Amino acid sequence: MAEAVERFIPDGASIAIGVGLEPLIPFAAGHELIRRQRRDLELVGPISDALFDQLIGAGCVRRVTAAWVGNVSEGLGHCYRRACEQGIPRSLEVHDHSNFSISLALWAAAWNVPSLPARTLLGSDILRSNPNLAARDGLVHVNAVRPDVAIVHVQRADGEGRAHAWGPLGVTEEAGLAAGRVIITCEELVDASVTLSDPNRVLLPETKVVAVVHEPLGAHPSPVQGHFKRDHAFYRDYASRSRTEDGFHAWLREWVLDVPDRAAYLQRIDVESLRIQQHRPSAPADFGDE
């Protein structure tokens, strides 16, 4: 993970992250961004979980282009609110979207067009806060959003970048296609024979993938379908401690800055209590053609 961040995510980069909405959030990658003190980042995403809040509190972010920033089950993102209201730790530029309009913005970039028209957001105050949305002729023109990089966590991937993901995917496909490059983090690193056995499930063209990182539980505390449950207690603890600036910095030291890598991080949590116990595999698909 350290090598992937160091090589492919410079200061000032625009990053699509947390694009699966609640599941598959690449917290391990975000924590590495914090440890490497990346600055002036733009975060792009739909309804965005606590990872956005942590990156903002750590001073990594100059702009948020997203539908919402918070802590989902726990409500407010306290670092996000401090940045917007008080400029702590720095002022923040916000380009508001809905979940649908950020999807359109990413699709526009994926299809290499300047914008896409829709009726969504007509009459909404979002049009006042985002300079990349314009109402004309009874339509809203949603300008393309082209992230420099998308970071995507998946259940499995091979070393060439062919990734399989299942469960809710949010705007993962459009984010990966819109971005200039993709970093895949995965629960399982598998042989190409596994991914190619189900080619319809391959998430993105492997030609877009610049790094594959084998990072089991790299999405904790968010859930990974078929692997791990959501760690509700962890989210509650973060919400409580991040309510104050001092509390957030104490949390950041404990869980990010004083932790050298994900392996050390996982030693501090009860992994077995989060592991899925009742598995429900899908029926196999038959790709026979002769």
C-alpha atoms as a PDB file:
ATOM      1  CA  MET A   1       0.000   0.000   0.000  1.00  0.00           C
ATOM      2  CA  ALA A   2       2.793   2.402   0.848  1.00  0.00           C
ATOM      3  CA  GLU A   3       4.379   1.844  -2.569  1.00  0.00           C
ATOM      4  CA  ALA A   4       1.090   2.340  -4.413  1.00  0.00           C
ATOM      5  CA  VAL A   5       0.374   5.638  -2.638  1.00  0.00           C
ATOM      6  CA  GLU A   6       3.925   6.883  -3.019  1.00  0.00           C
ATOM      7  CA  ARG A   7       4.082   6.132  -6.760  1.00  0.00           C
ATOM      8  CA  PHE A   8       0.613   7.004  -7.951  1.00  0.00           C
ATOM      9  CA  ILE A   9      -0.987   9.609  -5.653  1.00  0.00           C
ATOM     10  CA  PRO A  10       0.880  12.914  -5.462  1.00  0.00           C
ATOM     11  CA  ASP A  11      -0.127  16.025  -3.555  1.00  0.00           C
ATOM     12  CA  GLY A  12      -2.984  17.824  -5.286  1.00  0.00           C
ATOM     13  CA  ALA A  13      -4.477  14.664  -6.797  1.00  0.00           C
ATOM     14  CA  SER A  14      -8.203  14.183  -7.334  1.00  0.00           C
ATOM     15  CA  ILE A  15      -9.224  10.834  -5.814  1.00  0.00           C
ATOM     16  CA  ALA A  16     -12.457   8.872  -6.195  1.00  0.00           C
ATOM     17  CA  ILE A  17     -12.709   6.808  -3.019  1.00  0.00           C
ATOM     18  CA  GLY A  18     -15.504   5.124  -1.096  1.00  0.00           C
ATOM     19  CA  VAL A  19     -17.420   4.751  -4.353  1.00  0.00           C
ATOM     20  CA  GLY A  20     -19.352   1.672  -3.162  1.00  0.00           C
ATOM     21  CA  LEU A  21     -21.261   3.883  -0.702  1.00  0.00           C
ATOM     22  CA  GLU A  22     -21.406   1.999   2.631  1.00  0.00           C
ATOM     23  CA  PRO A  23     -19.440  -1.199   1.813  1.00  0.00           C
ATOM     24  CA  LEU A  24     -15.967  -1.755   0.359  1.00  0.00           C
ATOM     25  CA  ILE A  25     -14.549   1.569   1.578  1.00  0.00           C
ATOM     26  CA  PRO A  26     -10.727   1.445   1.226  1.00  0.00           C
ATOM     27  CA  PHE A  27      -9.884   2.724   4.701  1.00  0.00           C
ATOM     28  CA  ALA A  28      -6.400   1.155   4.570  1.00  0.00           C
ATOM     29  CA  ALA A  29      -5.549   3.243   1.508  1.00  0.00           C
ATOM     30  CA  GLY A  30      -6.942   6.388   3.101  1.00  0.00           C
ATOM     31  CA  HIS A  31      -4.894   5.833   6.244  1.00  0.00           C
ATOM     32  CA  GLU A  32      -1.763   5.452   4.138  1.00  0.00           C
ATOM     33  CA  LEU A  33      -2.545   8.807   2.490  1.00  0.00           C
ATOM     34  CA  ILE A  34      -2.659  10.333   5.974  1.00  0.00           C
ATOM     35  CA  ARG A  35       0.598   8.681   7.084  1.00  0.00           C
ATOM     36  CA  ARG A  36       2.342   9.960   3.934  1.00  0.00           C
ATOM     37  CA  GLN A  37       1.005  13.465   4.652  1.00  0.00           C
ATOM     38  CA  ARG A  38      -0.604  13.984   1.279  1.00  0.00           C
ATOM     39  CA  ARG A  39      -1.975  17.505   0.910  1.00  0.00           C
ATOM     40  CA  ASP A  40      -4.380  19.497  -1.286  1.00  0.00           C
ATOM     41  CA  LEU A  41      -6.367  16.451  -2.340  1.00  0.00           C
ATOM     42  CA  GLU A  42      -9.800  16.536  -3.934  1.00  0.00           C
ATOM     43  CA  LEU A  43     -12.083  13.739  -2.686  1.00  0.00           C
ATOM     44  CA  VAL A  44     -14.758  12.530  -5.097  1.00  0.00           C
ATOM     45  CA  GLY A  45     -17.579  10.235  -4.093  1.00  0.00           C
ATOM     46  CA  PRO A  46     -21.265   9.637  -3.449  1.00  0.00           C
ATOM     47  CA  ILE A  47     -22.651   9.552   0.105  1.00  0.00           C
ATOM     48  CA  SER A  48     -19.287   9.353   1.822  1.00  0.00           C
ATOM     49  CA  ASP A  49     -18.554   7.525   5.039  1.00  0.00           C
ATOM     50  CA  ALA A  50     -16.102   8.406   7.821  1.00  0.00           C
ATOM     51  CA  LEU A  51     -12.992   8.030   5.650  1.00  0.00           C
ATOM     52  CA  PHE A  52     -13.637  11.423   4.048  1.00  0.00           C
ATOM     53  CA  ASP A  53     -14.019  12.873   7.534  1.00  0.00           C
ATOM     54  CA  GLN A  54     -10.702  11.378   8.676  1.00  0.00           C
ATOM     55  CA  LEU A  55      -8.797  12.679   5.652  1.00  0.00           C
ATOM     56  CA  ILE A  56     -10.306  16.132   6.160  1.00  0.00           C
ATOM     57  CA  GLY A  57      -9.428  16.159   9.873  1.00  0.00           C
ATOM     58  CA  ALA A  58      -5.864  15.151   9.047  1.00  0.00           C
ATOM     59  CA  GLY A  59      -5.475  18.220   6.825  1.00  0.00           C
ATOM     60  CA  CYS A  60      -5.165  16.286   3.558  1.00  0.00           C
ATOM     61  CA  VAL A  61      -8.103  17.809   1.681  1.00  0.00           C
ATOM     62  CA  ARG A  62      -8.686  21.069  -0.201  1.00  0.00           C
ATOM     63  CA  ARG A  63     -11.957  20.160  -1.986  1.00  0.00           C
ATOM     64  CA  VAL A  64     -14.836  17.725  -1.605  1.00  0.00           C
ATOM     65  CA  THR A  65     -16.933  16.822  -4.638  1.00  0.00           C
ATOM     66  CA  ALA A  66     -19.590  14.571  -3.168  1.00  0.00           C
ATOM     67  CA  ALA A  67     -23.213  14.034  -2.236  1.00  0.00           C
ATOM     68  CA  TRP A  68     -22.682  13.996   1.545  1.00  0.00           C
ATOM     69  CA  VAL A  69     -19.918  13.647   4.113  1.00  0.00           C
ATOM     70  CA  GLY A  70     -20.621  12.140   7.492  1.00  0.00           C
ATOM     71  CA  ASN A  71     -20.496   8.974   9.553  1.00  0.00           C
ATOM     72  CA  VAL A  72     -23.580   7.236   8.102  1.00  0.00           C
ATOM     73  CA  SER A  73     -25.078   5.363  11.082  1.00  0.00           C
ATOM     74  CA  GLU A  74     -23.712   7.944  13.553  1.00  0.00           C
ATOM     75  CA  GLY A  75     -24.763  11.115  11.722  1.00  0.00           C
ATOM     76  CA  LEU A  76     -22.440  14.077  11.398  1.00  0.00           C
ATOM     77  CA  GLY A  77     -18.872  14.109  10.209  1.00  0.00           C
ATOM     78  CA  HIS A  78     -17.414  16.346  12.889  1.00  0.00           C
ATOM     79  CA  CYS A  79     -14.113  17.074  11.111  1.00  0.00           C
ATOM     80  CA  TYR A  80     -16.003  17.989   7.945  1.00  0.00           C
ATOM     81  CA  ARG A  81     -18.232  20.342   9.902  1.00  0.00           C
ATOM     82  CA  ARG A  82     -15.284  22.017  11.645  1.00  0.00           C
ATOM     83  CA  ALA A  83     -13.548  22.535   8.299  1.00  0.00           C
ATOM     84  CA  CYS A  84     -16.641  24.041   6.669  1.00  0.00           C
ATOM     85  CA  GLU A  85     -17.705  26.220   9.582  1.00  0.00           C
ATOM     86  CA  GLN A  86     -14.395  27.192  11.203  1.00  0.00           C
ATOM     87  CA  GLY A  87     -11.639  26.389   8.697  1.00  0.00           C
ATOM     88  CA  ILE A  88     -10.180  23.757  11.060  1.00  0.00           C
ATOM     89  CA  PRO A  89      -7.664  22.351  10.231  1.00  0.00           C
ATOM     90  CA  ARG A  90      -8.024  24.286   6.955  1.00  0.00           C
ATOM     91  CA  SER A  91     -10.797  25.797   4.870  1.00  0.00           C
ATOM     92  CA  LEU A  92     -12.593  23.434   2.530  1.00  0.00           C
ATOM     93  CA  GLU A  93     -14.084  23.957  -0.920  1.00  0.00           C
ATOM     94  CA  VAL A  94     -17.292  21.965  -1.405  1.00  0.00           C
ATOM     95  CA  HIS A  95     -18.922  21.037  -4.709  1.00  0.00           C
ATOM     96  CA  ASP A  96     -22.281  19.548  -3.755  1.00  0.00           C
ATOM     97  CA  HIS A  97     -23.891  16.720  -5.709  1.00  0.00           C
ATOM     98  CA  SER A  98     -26.643  14.196  -5.273  1.00  0.00           C
ATOM     99  CA  ASN A  99     -25.780  10.504  -5.551  1.00  0.00           C
ATOM    100  CA  PHE A 100     -27.322  10.537  -9.024  1.00  0.00           C
ATOM    101  CA  SER A 101     -25.611  13.683 -10.274  1.00  0.00           C
ATOM    102  CA  ILE A 102     -22.139  12.538  -9.169  1.00  0.00           C
ATOM    103  CA  SER A 103     -22.808   9.326 -11.068  1.00  0.00           C
ATOM    104  CA  LEU A 104     -23.712  11.378 -14.157  1.00  0.00           C
ATOM    105  CA  ALA A 105     -20.577  13.504 -13.738  1.00  0.00           C
ATOM    106  CA  LEU A 106     -18.404  10.390 -13.644  1.00  0.00           C
ATOM    107  CA  TRP A 107     -20.212   8.818 -16.598  1.00  0.00           C
ATOM    108  CA  ALA A 108     -19.618  11.989 -18.596  1.00  0.00           C
ATOM    109  CA  ALA A 109     -15.900  11.648 -17.967  1.00  0.00           C
ATOM    110  CA  ALA A 110     -15.992   7.924 -18.740  1.00  0.00           C
ATOM    111  CA  TRP A 111     -17.698   8.642 -22.078  1.00  0.00           C
ATOM    112  CA  ASN A 112     -15.340  11.570 -22.765  1.00  0.00           C
ATOM    113  CA  VAL A 113     -18.075  14.186 -23.126  1.00  0.00           C
ATOM    114  CA  PRO A 114     -18.048  17.589 -21.389  1.00  0.00           C
ATOM    115  CA  SER A 115     -21.395  17.118 -19.631  1.00  0.00           C
ATOM    116  CA  LEU A 116     -24.589  15.102 -19.471  1.00  0.00           C
ATOM    117  CA  PRO A 117     -28.103  16.590 -19.340  1.00  0.00           C
ATOM    118  CA  ALA A 118     -30.772  15.489 -16.877  1.00  0.00           C
ATOM    119  CA  ARG A 119     -33.847  16.807 -15.109  1.00  0.00           C
ATOM    120  CA  THR A 120     -32.486  15.841 -11.722  1.00  0.00           C
ATOM    121  CA  LEU A 121     -31.713  18.711  -9.277  1.00  0.00           C
ATOM    122  CA  LEU A 122     -34.143  21.162 -10.925  1.00  0.00           C
ATOM    123  CA  GLY A 123     -35.383  23.405  -8.122  1.00  0.00           C
ATOM    124  CA  SER A 124     -32.586  22.284  -5.791  1.00  0.00           C
ATOM    125  CA  ASP A 125     -30.231  24.572  -3.879  1.00  0.00           C
ATOM    126  CA  ILE A 126     -27.403  22.276  -4.987  1.00  0.00           C
ATOM    127  CA  LEU A 127     -27.391  24.272  -8.228  1.00  0.00           C
ATOM    128  CA  ARG A 128     -26.339  27.332  -6.225  1.00  0.00           C
ATOM    129  CA  SER A 129     -23.371  25.683  -4.536  1.00  0.00           C
ATOM    130  CA  ASN A 130     -21.733  23.807  -7.394  1.00  0.00           C
ATOM    131  CA  PRO A 131     -20.280  25.813 -10.316  1.00  0.00           C
ATOM    132  CA  ASN A 132     -20.129  22.637 -12.398  1.00  0.00           C
ATOM    133  CA  LEU A 133     -23.915  22.333 -12.590  1.00  0.00           C
ATOM    134  CA  ALA A 134     -25.966  24.628 -14.823  1.00  0.00           C
ATOM    135  CA  ALA A 135     -29.715  24.817 -15.528  1.00  0.00           C
ATOM    136  CA  ARG A 136     -30.497  25.618 -19.176  1.00  0.00           C
ATOM    137  CA  ASP A 137     -33.518  24.947 -21.365  1.00  0.00           C
ATOM    138  CA  GLY A 138     -35.330  23.003 -18.681  1.00  0.00           C
ATOM    139  CA  LEU A 139     -32.394  20.670 -18.031  1.00  0.00           C
ATOM    140  CA  VAL A 140     -29.456  20.483 -15.654  1.00  0.00           C
ATOM    141  CA  HIS A 141     -26.125  20.079 -17.420  1.00  0.00           C
ATOM    142  CA  VAL A 142     -23.803  18.050 -15.195  1.00  0.00           C
ATOM    143  CA  ASN A 143     -20.152  18.703 -16.047  1.00  0.00           C
ATOM    144  CA  ALA A 144     -17.767  15.779 -16.213  1.00  0.00           C
ATOM    145  CA  VAL A 145     -15.708  14.923 -13.125  1.00  0.00           C
ATOM    146  CA  ARG A 146     -12.403  13.235 -14.027  1.00  0.00           C
ATOM    147  CA  PRO A 147     -10.535  11.940 -10.979  1.00  0.00           C
ATOM    148  CA  ASP A 148      -6.817  11.394 -11.357  1.00  0.00           C
ATOM    149  CA  VAL A 149      -7.150   8.082  -9.560  1.00  0.00           C
ATOM    150  CA  ALA A 150      -9.873   5.798  -8.230  1.00  0.00           C
ATOM    151  CA  ILE A 151      -9.117   3.568  -5.255  1.00  0.00           C
ATOM    152  CA  VAL A 152     -11.396   0.528  -5.206  1.00  0.00           C
ATOM    153  CA  HIS A 153     -11.581  -2.284  -2.638  1.00  0.00           C
ATOM    154  CA  VAL A 154     -12.882  -5.637  -3.916  1.00  0.00           C
ATOM    155  CA  GLN A 155     -13.358  -9.203  -2.766  1.00  0.00           C
ATOM    156  CA  ARG A 156     -10.763 -10.643  -5.141  1.00  0.00           C
ATOM    157  CA  ALA A 157      -8.377  -9.653  -7.901  1.00  0.00           C
ATOM    158  CA  ASP A 158      -5.536 -11.131  -9.874  1.00  0.00           C
ATOM    159  CA  GLY A 159      -2.100  -9.618 -10.311  1.00  0.00           C
ATOM    160  CA  GLU A 160      -2.992  -8.127 -13.699  1.00  0.00           C
ATOM    161  CA  GLY A 161      -5.776  -5.976 -12.242  1.00  0.00           C
ATOM    162  CA  ARG A 162      -8.827  -8.032 -13.155  1.00  0.00           C
ATOM    163  CA  ALA A 163     -11.107  -7.561 -10.155  1.00  0.00           C
ATOM    164  CA  HIS A 164     -14.311  -9.235  -8.996  1.00  0.00           C
ATOM    165  CA  ALA A 165     -16.679  -7.439  -6.646  1.00  0.00           C
ATOM    166  CA  TRP A 166     -20.226  -8.223  -5.577  1.00  0.00           C
ATOM    167  CA  GLY A 167     -22.890  -6.784  -3.349  1.00  0.00           C
ATOM    168  CA  PRO A 168     -23.748  -3.058  -3.516  1.00  0.00           C
ATOM    169  CA  LEU A 169     -21.308  -1.311  -5.847  1.00  0.00           C
ATOM    170  CA  GLY A 170     -22.626   2.259  -5.813  1.00  0.00           C
ATOM    171  CA  VAL A 171     -20.760   4.250  -8.480  1.00  0.00           C
ATOM    172  CA  THR A 172     -17.705   1.983  -8.627  1.00  0.00           C
ATOM    173  CA  GLU A 173     -17.905   1.204 -12.333  1.00  0.00           C
ATOM    174  CA  GLU A 174     -18.300   4.802 -13.490  1.00  0.00           C
ATOM    175  CA  ALA A 175     -15.618   6.045 -11.074  1.00  0.00           C
ATOM    176  CA  GLY A 176     -13.113   3.493 -12.333  1.00  0.00           C
ATOM    177  CA  LEU A 177     -13.875   4.270 -15.974  1.00  0.00           C
ATOM    178  CA  ALA A 178     -13.740   8.029 -15.388  1.00  0.00           C
ATOM    179  CA  ALA A 179     -10.438   8.028 -13.499  1.00  0.00           C
ATOM    180  CA  GLY A 180      -7.069   8.323 -15.182  1.00  0.00           C
ATOM    181  CA  ARG A 181      -5.801   5.296 -13.256  1.00  0.00           C
ATOM    182  CA  VAL A 182      -7.109   2.773 -10.744  1.00  0.00           C
ATOM    183  CA  ILE A 183      -5.614   1.249  -7.608  1.00  0.00           C
ATOM    184  CA  ILE A 184      -7.243  -2.034  -6.587  1.00  0.00           C
ATOM    185  CA  THR A 185      -7.072  -3.281  -3.007  1.00  0.00           C
ATOM    186  CA  CYS A 186      -8.399  -6.769  -2.410  1.00  0.00           C
ATOM    187  CA  GLU A 187      -9.323  -9.322   0.223  1.00  0.00           C
ATOM    188  CA  GLU A 188      -7.944 -12.165  -1.899  1.00  0.00           C
ATOM    189  CA  LEU A 189      -5.184 -12.167  -4.502  1.00  0.00           C
ATOM    190  CA  VAL A 190      -6.076 -14.963  -6.897  1.00  0.00           C
ATOM    191  CA  ASP A 191      -4.770 -16.588 -10.040  1.00  0.00           C
ATOM    192  CA  ALA A 192      -5.973 -15.230 -13.371  1.00  0.00           C
ATOM    193  CA  SER A 193      -7.809 -18.508 -13.963  1.00  0.00           C
ATOM    194  CA  VAL A 194     -10.235 -17.508 -11.188  1.00  0.00           C
ATOM    195  CA  THR A 195     -11.101 -14.062 -12.549  1.00  0.00           C
ATOM    196  CA  LEU A 196     -11.219 -15.257 -16.154  1.00  0.00           C
ATOM    197  CA  SER A 197     -13.567 -18.096 -15.188  1.00  0.00           C
ATOM    198  CA  ASP A 198     -16.267 -15.425 -14.696  1.00  0.00           C
ATOM    199  CA  PRO A 199     -15.390 -12.692 -17.200  1.00  0.00           C
ATOM    200  CA  ASN A 200     -18.748 -10.923 -16.868  1.00  0.00           C
ATOM    201  CA  ARG A 201     -17.864 -10.097 -13.258  1.00  0.00           C
ATOM    202  CA  VAL A 202     -14.571  -8.363 -14.114  1.00  0.00           C
ATOM    203  CA  LEU A 203     -15.179  -4.886 -12.773  1.00  0.00           C
ATOM    204  CA  LEU A 204     -12.899  -2.686 -14.890  1.00  0.00           C
ATOM    205  CA  PRO A 205     -10.452  -2.998 -17.779  1.00  0.00           C
ATOM    206  CA  GLU A 206      -7.160  -4.179 -16.329  1.00  0.00           C
ATOM    207  CA  THR A 207      -5.399  -1.685 -18.600  1.00  0.00           C
ATOM    208  CA  LYS A 208      -6.592   1.083 -16.244  1.00  0.00           C
ATOM    209  CA  VAL A 209      -5.157  -0.579 -13.140  1.00  0.00           C
ATOM    210  CA  VAL A 210      -1.711   0.647 -12.074  1.00  0.00           C
ATOM    211  CA  ALA A 211      -1.476  -1.230  -8.766  1.00  0.00           C
ATOM    212  CA  VAL A 212      -3.017  -4.244  -7.061  1.00  0.00           C
ATOM    213  CA  VAL A 213      -2.587  -4.375  -3.290  1.00  0.00           C
ATOM    214  CA  HIS A 214      -3.422  -7.522  -1.334  1.00  0.00           C
ATOM    215  CA  GLU A 215      -4.914  -5.955   1.801  1.00  0.00           C
ATOM    216  CA  PRO A 216      -7.233  -8.283   3.755  1.00  0.00           C
ATOM    217  CA  LEU A 217      -9.703  -6.300   5.866  1.00  0.00           C
ATOM    218  CA  GLY A 218      -8.522  -3.207   4.023  1.00  0.00           C
ATOM    219  CA  ALA A 219     -12.084  -1.873   4.170  1.00  0.00           C
ATOM    220  CA  HIS A 220     -12.530  -2.154   7.964  1.00  0.00           C
ATOM    221  CA  PRO A 221     -14.699  -0.848   9.601  1.00  0.00           C
ATOM    222  CA  SER A 222     -16.961  -0.969   6.511  1.00  0.00           C
ATOM    223  CA  PRO A 223     -18.443  -4.323   5.427  1.00  0.00           C
ATOM    224  CA  VAL A 224     -17.308  -6.616   2.629  1.00  0.00           C
ATOM    225  CA  GLN A 225     -20.042  -8.885   1.298  1.00  0.00           C
ATOM    226  CA  GLY A 226     -19.236 -12.534   2.000  1.00  0.00           C
ATOM    227  CA  HIS A 227     -16.176 -11.714   4.116  1.00  0.00           C
ATOM    228  CA  PHE A 228     -16.755  -9.296   7.012  1.00  0.00           C
ATOM    229  CA  LYS A 229     -19.555  -7.484   8.777  1.00  0.00           C
ATOM    230  CA  ARG A 230     -19.709  -3.777   9.470  1.00  0.00           C
ATOM    231  CA  ASP A 231     -18.004  -2.827  12.737  1.00  0.00           C
ATOM    232  CA  HIS A 232     -20.735  -0.653  14.242  1.00  0.00           C
ATOM    233  CA  ALA A 233     -18.903  -0.207  17.552  1.00  0.00           C
ATOM    234  CA  PHE A 234     -15.849   1.168  15.772  1.00  0.00           C
ATOM    235  CA  TYR A 235     -17.969   3.775  13.999  1.00  0.00           C
ATOM    236  CA  ARG A 236     -19.644   4.751  17.268  1.00  0.00           C
ATOM    237  CA  ASP A 237     -16.292   5.174  18.979  1.00  0.00           C
ATOM    238  CA  TYR A 238     -14.974   7.334  16.149  1.00  0.00           C
ATOM    239  CA  ALA A 239     -18.089   9.513  16.218  1.00  0.00           C
ATOM    240  CA  SER A 240     -17.761  10.078  19.947  1.00  0.00           C
ATOM    241  CA  ARG A 241     -14.039  10.826  19.961  1.00  0.00           C
ATOM    242  CA  SER A 242     -14.005  13.005  16.848  1.00  0.00           C
ATOM    243  CA  ARG A 243     -16.637  15.328  18.297  1.00  0.00           C
ATOM    244  CA  THR A 244     -13.771  17.523  19.561  1.00  0.00           C
ATOM    245  CA  GLU A 245     -10.578  18.461  17.735  1.00  0.00           C
ATOM    246  CA  ASP A 246      -8.398  17.062  20.518  1.00  0.00           C
ATOM    247  CA  GLY A 247     -10.408  13.859  20.596  1.00  0.00           C
ATOM    248  CA  PHE A 248      -9.981  13.399  16.866  1.00  0.00           C
ATOM    249  CA  HIS A 249      -6.219  13.879  17.012  1.00  0.00           C
ATOM    250  CA  ALA A 250      -5.957  11.344  19.851  1.00  0.00           C
ATOM    251  CA  TRP A 251      -7.965   8.868  17.738  1.00  0.00           C
ATOM    252  CA  LEU A 252      -5.774   9.599  14.703  1.00  0.00           C
ATOM    253  CA  ARG A 253      -2.576   8.901  16.635  1.00  0.00           C
ATOM    254  CA  GLU A 254      -3.956   5.644  18.031  1.00  0.00           C
ATOM    255  CA  TRP A 255      -5.396   4.188  14.831  1.00  0.00           C
ATOM    256  CA  VAL A 256      -3.351   5.750  12.003  1.00  0.00           C
ATOM    257  CA  LEU A 257      -0.193   7.696  12.846  1.00  0.00           C
ATOM    258  CA  ASP A 258       1.177   5.256  15.419  1.00  0.00           C
ATOM    259  CA  VAL A 259       0.259   2.223  13.275  1.00  0.00           C
ATOM    260  CA  PRO A 260       2.907   1.408  10.623  1.00  0.00           C
ATOM    261  CA  ASP A 261       0.666  -0.681   8.371  1.00  0.00           C
ATOM    262  CA  ARG A 262      -2.607  -2.600   8.143  1.00  0.00           C
ATOM    263  CA  ALA A 263      -1.184  -5.749   9.711  1.00  0.00           C
ATOM    264  CA  ALA A 264      -0.397  -3.831  12.896  1.00  0.00           C
ATOM    265  CA  TYR A 265      -3.832  -2.170  12.749  1.00  0.00           C
ATOM    266  CA  LEU A 266      -5.583  -5.548  12.605  1.00  0.00           C
ATOM    267  CA  GLN A 267      -3.824  -6.714  15.749  1.00  0.00           C
ATOM    268  CA  ARG A 268      -5.869  -4.114  17.636  1.00  0.00           C
ATOM    269  CA  ILE A 269      -9.314  -5.371  16.584  1.00  0.00           C
ATOM    270  CA  ASP A 270     -11.259  -8.601  17.115  1.00  0.00           C
ATOM    271  CA  VAL A 271     -11.212  -9.878  13.551  1.00  0.00           C
ATOM    272  CA  GLU A 272     -13.030 -13.135  14.302  1.00  0.00           C
ATOM    273  CA  SER A 273     -16.071 -11.347  15.717  1.00  0.00           C
ATOM    274  CA  LEU A 274     -16.519  -9.592  12.363  1.00  0.00           C
ATOM    275  CA  ARG A 275     -16.007 -12.568  10.076  1.00  0.00           C
ATOM    276  CA  ILE A 276     -19.083 -13.759   8.147  1.00  0.00           C
ATOM    277  CA  GLN A 277     -20.261 -17.104   9.543  1.00  0.00           C
ATOM    278  CA  GLN A 278     -23.142 -18.015   7.221  1.00  0.00           C
ATOM    279  CA  HIS A 279     -21.995 -18.132   3.606  1.00  0.00           C
ATOM    280  CA  ARG A 280     -24.440 -18.088   0.696  1.00  0.00           C
ATOM    281  CA  PRO A 281     -22.524 -18.677  -2.554  1.00  0.00           C
ATOM    282  CA  SER A 282     -24.323 -17.858  -5.781  1.00  0.00           C
ATOM    283  CA  ALA A 283     -25.063 -20.605  -8.290  1.00  0.00           C
ATOM    284  CA  PRO A 284     -22.174 -21.143 -10.737  1.00  0.00           C
ATOM    285  CA  ALA A 285     -22.491 -19.726 -14.235  1.00  0.00           C
ATOM    286  CA  ASP A 286     -21.915 -21.982 -17.239  1.00  0.00           C
ATOM    287  CA  PHE A 287     -19.765 -20.308 -19.912  1.00  0.00           C
ATOM    288  CA  GLY A 288     -19.655 -23.348 -22.176  1.00  0.00           C
ATOM    289  CA  ASP A 289     -19.906 -22.440 -25.874  1.00  0.00           C
ATOM    290  CA  GLU A 290     -19.452 -25.734 -27.754  1.00  0.00           C
END
